[in-house]
Protein backbone atom coordinates (compact mmCIF):
# COMPACT_ATOMS: atom_id res chain seq x y z
CA UNK A 1 -0.21 -0.09 0.03
CA UNK A 2 1.31 3.45 -0.49
CA UNK A 3 0.64 5.97 1.75
CA UNK A 4 0.85 9.65 1.24
CA UNK A 5 0.97 12.14 4.46
CA UNK A 6 0.58 15.60 4.52
CA UNK A 7 1.60 17.14 7.72
CA UNK A 8 2.46 20.79 9.04
CA UNK A 9 5.76 19.59 10.37
CA UNK A 10 9.11 21.06 9.46
CA UNK A 11 10.84 17.94 9.80
CA UNK A 12 10.30 14.55 8.01
CA UNK A 13 9.08 11.63 10.17
CA UNK A 14 12.84 9.90 9.42
CA UNK A 15 14.34 13.15 10.97
CA UNK A 16 12.31 13.00 14.23
CA UNK A 17 13.12 10.50 17.19
CA UNK A 18 9.87 10.58 18.83
CA UNK A 19 6.04 11.47 18.19
CA UNK A 20 2.82 9.66 16.59
CA UNK A 21 3.77 10.93 13.21
CA UNK A 22 7.33 9.47 13.77
CA UNK A 23 6.71 5.78 15.00
CA UNK A 24 3.45 5.20 12.83
CA UNK A 25 5.44 5.75 9.36
CA UNK A 26 8.41 4.11 10.60
CA UNK A 27 6.35 0.99 10.97
CA UNK A 28 4.39 1.65 7.95
CA UNK A 29 7.55 0.90 6.17
CA UNK A 30 8.98 -1.86 8.37
CA UNK A 31 5.63 -3.91 7.63
CA UNK A 32 6.36 -3.35 3.85
CA UNK A 33 4.17 -0.38 2.76
CA UNK A 34 5.43 2.59 1.14
CA UNK A 35 5.11 6.18 2.46
CA UNK A 36 5.84 9.76 1.29
CA UNK A 37 5.77 12.51 3.94
CA UNK A 38 4.74 15.83 2.57
CA UNK A 39 5.95 18.19 4.96
CA UNK A 40 5.30 22.47 5.05
CA UNK A 41 7.83 23.27 2.86
CA UNK A 42 6.58 20.74 0.30
CA UNK A 43 2.85 21.95 -0.01
CA UNK A 44 2.92 23.74 -2.91
CA UNK A 45 4.78 21.22 -4.73
CA UNK A 46 1.73 18.61 -3.20
CA UNK A 47 0.07 18.10 -6.76
CA UNK A 48 3.36 17.27 -8.58
CA UNK A 49 3.98 15.07 -5.72
CA UNK A 50 0.48 13.15 -5.81
CA UNK A 51 0.79 12.31 -9.43
CA UNK A 52 4.22 10.88 -9.18
CA UNK A 53 3.69 8.81 -6.07
CA UNK A 54 0.05 7.57 -6.63
CA UNK A 55 -1.02 7.16 -3.31
CA UNK A 56 -3.67 4.62 -2.05
CA UNK A 57 -4.54 6.45 0.81
CA UNK A 58 -3.96 10.12 1.54
CA UNK A 59 -3.43 10.79 5.93
CA UNK A 60 -3.53 14.48 6.95
CA UNK A 61 -1.98 16.03 10.31
CA UNK A 62 -3.11 19.39 11.45
CA UNK A 63 -5.63 21.88 10.48
CA UNK A 64 -3.85 23.71 7.89
CA UNK A 65 -2.61 20.32 6.22
CA UNK A 66 -6.41 18.66 6.80
CA UNK A 67 -7.79 21.86 4.85
CA UNK A 68 -5.73 22.35 2.18
CA UNK A 69 -6.06 18.46 1.60
CA UNK A 70 -10.44 18.81 1.77
CA UNK A 71 -9.82 21.79 -1.03
CA UNK A 72 -7.67 19.50 -3.50
CA UNK A 73 -10.06 16.89 -2.44
CA UNK A 74 -12.99 18.57 -4.11
CA UNK A 75 -10.79 19.80 -6.65
CA UNK A 76 -10.33 16.66 -7.96
CA UNK A 77 -6.55 16.73 -7.42
CA UNK A 78 -6.71 14.24 -4.48
CA UNK A 79 -8.57 11.11 -5.55
CA UNK A 80 -7.44 8.31 -3.02
CA UNK A 81 -9.40 7.99 0.13
CA UNK A 82 -8.62 11.21 2.50
CA UNK A 83 -8.09 9.92 6.29
CA UNK A 84 -7.71 13.10 8.79
CA UNK A 85 -5.60 12.12 11.82
CA UNK A 86 -7.16 14.59 14.44
CA UNK A 87 -4.05 13.91 16.66
CA UNK A 88 -3.82 17.16 19.03
CA UNK A 89 -6.24 20.55 20.46
CA UNK A 90 -4.93 22.70 17.67
CA UNK A 91 -7.78 25.19 18.15
CA UNK A 92 -5.97 25.63 21.97
CA UNK A 93 -2.40 25.35 20.60
CA UNK A 94 -2.71 27.67 17.45
CA UNK A 95 -5.59 29.89 18.27
CA UNK A 96 -3.52 32.41 20.76
CA UNK A 97 -1.01 33.29 17.87
CA UNK A 98 -3.32 32.45 14.73
CA UNK A 99 -6.79 33.38 15.87
CA UNK A 100 -8.99 30.79 17.59
CA UNK A 101 -12.20 31.36 15.25
CA UNK A 102 -9.87 30.98 12.28
CA UNK A 103 -8.23 27.92 13.68
CA UNK A 104 -11.37 26.06 14.67
CA UNK A 105 -12.93 26.64 11.05
CA UNK A 106 -9.74 25.13 9.44
CA UNK A 107 -10.38 22.31 12.16
CA UNK A 108 -13.73 21.81 11.62
CA UNK A 109 -13.74 21.73 8.19
CA UNK A 110 -10.96 19.21 8.27
CA UNK A 111 -13.26 16.74 10.62
CA UNK A 112 -16.38 17.79 8.29
CA UNK A 113 -14.76 16.89 4.54
CA UNK A 114 -12.25 14.39 5.29
CA UNK A 115 -13.64 10.96 4.13
CA UNK A 116 -12.59 9.07 7.38
CA UNK A 117 -11.22 10.52 10.59
CA UNK A 118 -9.15 8.96 13.42
CA UNK A 119 -7.55 10.20 16.73
CA UNK A 120 -5.35 8.99 19.46
CA UNK A 121 -7.57 11.16 21.73
CA UNK A 122 -10.72 9.66 23.75
CA UNK A 123 -11.97 13.39 24.38
CA UNK A 124 -11.33 13.95 20.66
CA UNK A 125 -13.30 11.05 19.77
CA UNK A 126 -16.45 12.29 21.94
CA UNK A 127 -15.77 15.99 19.86
CA UNK A 128 -16.30 14.08 16.55
CA UNK A 129 -19.49 12.17 17.52
CA UNK A 130 -20.77 15.52 18.77
CA UNK A 131 -20.11 16.85 15.28
CA UNK A 132 -21.80 13.88 13.91
CA UNK A 133 -18.42 12.42 12.18
CA UNK A 134 -17.88 8.78 12.59
CA UNK A 135 -14.05 8.68 14.23
CA UNK A 136 -11.89 5.63 14.81
CA UNK A 137 -9.65 5.57 18.06
CA UNK A 138 -6.03 4.31 17.59
CA UNK A 139 -4.47 5.23 20.83
CA UNK A 140 -0.69 6.22 21.19
CA UNK A 141 1.67 3.46 21.77
CA UNK A 142 4.94 3.16 23.85
CA UNK A 143 8.39 2.34 22.97
CA UNK A 144 10.49 3.15 25.48
CA UNK A 145 14.02 1.49 26.89
CA UNK A 146 13.39 0.49 30.75
CA UNK A 147 16.46 -1.34 30.82
CA UNK A 148 18.79 1.65 31.00
CA UNK A 149 20.74 2.22 34.59
CA UNK A 150 18.14 5.24 36.04
CA UNK A 151 19.73 8.58 35.76
CA UNK A 152 21.44 10.37 38.33
CA UNK A 153 18.37 12.78 39.96
CA UNK A 154 18.86 13.64 43.34
CA UNK A 155 16.46 14.01 46.37
CA UNK A 156 12.46 13.47 45.91
CA UNK A 157 12.59 14.08 42.00
CA UNK A 158 9.71 15.37 39.56
CA UNK A 159 10.38 14.76 36.26
CA UNK A 160 8.31 16.89 33.19
CA UNK A 161 9.18 15.99 29.62
CA UNK A 162 8.06 17.75 26.55
CA UNK A 163 7.90 21.28 24.94
CA UNK A 164 8.22 24.09 27.22
CA UNK A 165 5.43 26.20 25.71
CA UNK A 166 2.76 28.76 26.81
CA UNK A 167 0.01 26.11 26.12
CA UNK A 168 1.74 23.27 28.25
CA UNK A 169 1.52 25.61 31.44
CA UNK A 170 5.00 23.89 32.99
CA UNK A 171 4.81 27.40 35.09
CA UNK A 172 2.05 25.46 37.47
CA UNK A 173 4.42 22.73 38.23
CA UNK A 174 7.39 25.55 38.64
CA UNK A 175 5.57 27.47 40.94
CA UNK A 176 3.97 24.28 42.90
CA UNK A 177 7.51 23.07 44.03
CA UNK A 178 8.58 26.54 45.47
CA UNK A 179 10.05 26.28 49.07
CA UNK A 180 9.42 22.47 48.74
CA UNK A 181 12.02 19.87 49.51
CA UNK A 182 12.04 18.50 46.16
CA UNK A 183 13.73 18.83 42.85
CA UNK A 184 11.99 19.38 39.45
CA UNK A 185 13.59 18.20 36.35
CA UNK A 186 12.77 19.33 33.04
CA UNK A 187 13.39 17.91 29.75
CA UNK A 188 13.18 19.41 26.48
CA UNK A 189 14.67 22.71 24.80
CA UNK A 190 14.52 25.12 27.55
CA UNK A 191 12.70 28.12 27.89
CA UNK A 192 14.43 31.57 29.17
CA UNK A 193 11.08 32.68 30.72
CA UNK A 194 10.71 30.05 32.67
CA UNK A 195 14.27 30.05 33.63
CA UNK A 196 13.81 33.53 35.08
CA UNK A 197 11.12 32.32 37.61
CA UNK A 198 12.00 28.94 38.51
CA UNK A 199 13.76 28.75 41.91
CA UNK A 200 17.01 26.73 42.87
CA UNK A 201 15.23 23.46 43.01
CA UNK A 202 13.93 23.44 38.94
CA UNK A 203 16.90 22.03 36.80
CA UNK A 204 16.74 22.53 32.94
CA UNK A 205 17.92 19.39 31.54
CA UNK A 206 17.60 20.26 28.01
CA UNK A 207 16.83 18.09 25.04
CA UNK A 208 17.43 14.37 25.59
CA UNK A 209 16.86 11.49 22.93
CA UNK A 210 14.12 9.46 23.26
CA UNK A 211 16.37 6.49 23.35
CA UNK A 212 17.70 7.85 26.65
CA UNK A 213 14.24 8.88 28.04
CA UNK A 214 13.37 5.65 29.99
CA UNK A 215 16.63 6.14 32.23
CA UNK A 216 15.12 9.49 33.74
CA UNK A 217 11.46 7.97 33.77
CA UNK A 218 12.99 5.14 35.94
CA UNK A 219 15.00 7.43 38.19
CA UNK A 220 11.92 9.82 38.87
CA UNK A 221 9.65 9.46 42.00
CA UNK A 222 6.76 11.71 40.41
CA UNK A 223 6.36 11.94 36.47
CA UNK A 224 4.35 15.09 35.69
CA UNK A 225 1.32 16.21 33.03
CA UNK A 226 1.12 20.14 33.24
CA UNK A 227 -1.40 20.62 30.23
CA UNK A 228 -5.07 20.09 29.87
CA UNK A 229 -4.60 17.29 27.55
CA UNK A 230 -4.41 13.44 27.14
CA UNK A 231 -0.83 13.09 25.73
CA UNK A 232 1.68 10.36 24.60
CA UNK A 233 3.74 10.27 27.94
CA UNK A 234 0.76 9.31 30.14
CA UNK A 235 1.19 5.83 28.26
CA UNK A 236 4.83 5.99 28.55
CA UNK A 237 4.51 6.64 32.61
CA UNK A 238 1.88 4.04 32.81
CA UNK A 239 4.07 1.41 31.01
CA UNK A 240 6.93 2.19 33.49
CA UNK A 241 4.76 1.90 36.22
CA UNK A 242 5.19 5.67 37.68
CA UNK A 243 3.68 7.71 40.11
CA UNK A 244 1.80 10.59 37.80
CA UNK A 245 0.71 13.90 39.04
CA UNK A 246 -1.54 15.88 36.51
CA UNK A 247 -3.54 18.85 36.03
CA UNK A 248 -7.20 18.09 36.18
CA UNK A 249 -8.83 17.89 33.03
CA UNK A 250 -9.03 15.70 30.17
CA UNK A 251 -6.19 13.51 31.58
CA UNK A 252 -9.19 11.86 33.68
CA UNK A 253 -10.10 10.06 30.21
CA UNK A 254 -7.22 7.77 31.00
CA UNK A 255 -6.40 8.17 34.59
CA UNK A 256 -8.42 8.22 37.85
CA UNK A 257 -7.34 10.13 40.84
CA UNK A 258 -6.18 8.48 43.87
CA UNK A 259 -6.60 5.46 41.89
CA UNK A 260 -3.66 5.42 39.02
CA UNK A 261 -2.74 9.34 39.33
CA UNK A 262 -2.96 12.22 41.69
CA UNK A 263 -5.05 14.31 39.71
CA UNK A 264 -5.80 18.16 40.82
CA UNK A 265 -5.84 21.43 40.00
CA UNK A 266 -3.85 22.70 42.90
CA UNK A 267 -0.29 20.95 42.23
CA UNK A 268 1.53 22.07 44.96
CA UNK A 269 -0.67 20.19 47.49
CA UNK A 270 -0.34 16.99 44.98
CA UNK A 271 3.32 17.31 45.74
CA UNK A 272 2.94 17.65 49.10
CA UNK A 273 0.66 14.87 49.69
CA UNK A 274 3.08 12.62 47.21
CA UNK A 275 5.96 13.57 49.17
CA UNK A 276 4.43 12.39 52.75
CA UNK A 277 2.93 8.98 51.87
CA UNK A 278 4.75 6.43 50.58
CA UNK A 279 1.64 4.32 51.10
CA UNK A 280 -0.04 6.55 48.24
CA UNK A 281 2.94 6.72 46.23
CA UNK A 282 3.12 2.42 45.95
CA UNK A 283 -0.90 2.58 45.35
CA UNK A 284 -0.69 4.39 42.32
CA UNK A 285 2.35 2.80 41.13
CA UNK A 286 0.47 -0.50 41.35
CA UNK A 287 -2.29 0.60 39.95
CA UNK A 288 -1.06 2.43 36.80
CA UNK A 289 1.03 -0.70 35.87
CA UNK A 290 -2.27 -2.67 35.40
CA UNK A 291 -3.52 -0.48 32.65
CA UNK A 292 -3.95 -1.62 29.42
CA UNK A 293 -0.87 0.24 27.17
CA UNK A 294 0.07 -0.87 23.68
CA UNK A 295 3.40 -0.99 21.63
CA UNK A 296 3.69 1.00 18.47
CA UNK A 297 4.00 -2.11 16.39
CA UNK A 298 0.58 -3.27 17.69
CA UNK A 299 -0.67 0.41 17.15
CA UNK A 300 0.33 0.35 13.60
CA UNK A 301 -1.15 -3.30 12.70
CA UNK A 302 -4.34 -1.83 14.32
CA UNK A 303 -4.14 1.21 11.86
CA UNK A 304 -2.90 -0.53 9.02
CA UNK A 305 -5.99 -3.20 9.25
CA UNK A 306 -8.22 0.43 8.98
CA UNK A 307 -6.39 1.51 6.26
CA UNK A 308 -6.50 -1.64 4.22
CA UNK A 309 -10.55 -1.68 4.73
CA UNK A 310 -10.70 1.92 3.65
CA UNK A 311 -8.86 1.26 0.32
CA UNK A 312 -11.05 -1.97 -0.16
CA UNK A 313 -14.22 0.36 0.13
CA UNK A 314 -13.07 2.67 -2.81
CA UNK A 315 -12.98 -0.46 -5.10
């Protein structure tokens, strides 16, 4: 099967080392399928790429790529089935910069006009149903090396992994640990504004290769999710059997307060409770490890079975 992926990413999936649209195309190819990834810089050449590649399936990712793909579908340039992977909360992420209404229109247009919609988010799957659009749920997978020696994190350690953008609300946990006898480690490209508000117990580690992330997750006492979102990291933390401290919201589609995670709007209160109660931490570790998680190979097989069905339906 020939799969054409149109994305608003700057990097080709082969240049990335983590994320949904690094792992899925990687395993598409491993399973014998051909993938062509059209990134932002190639959008203008898309009609020529399409005619040369002759895909069986087109998958769009992101509101702008989704909108462009739907327009090209209506113009007859895209003739293969069009699948839109609604993989993030784009209106919230891009809206503050480009206008909430504008991004919401693009996002909704892609959902409404694509032939099929997929998502890794239970929340977005429910939103799709509200729109009256059928949606296939394919969760994020896990590819995590937990055989590594734990990283050297001192004291009672909290770990955040990911982008340090305003949308991620990392200031919530930076403020929460002020004055507490714990250490917060942040992995990802350092944000200078966050450095200015961070106390001495906050450590900016910079970017760490995904191949080495397991060493830091193993070493941490608590792993933190600060944004109101379901994300890939929560599955990695679950696979590793780690205590998760998360901001209250969509995370509850996967985790449950005081059963599989500590979920709260008051992160400082959560840090204090987890620091003082070994029994609570052990219970959360035991329970979260029992949650079902899947490898990226397993998720890819499910996704490919869906794509094969899409291809057959077009005959």
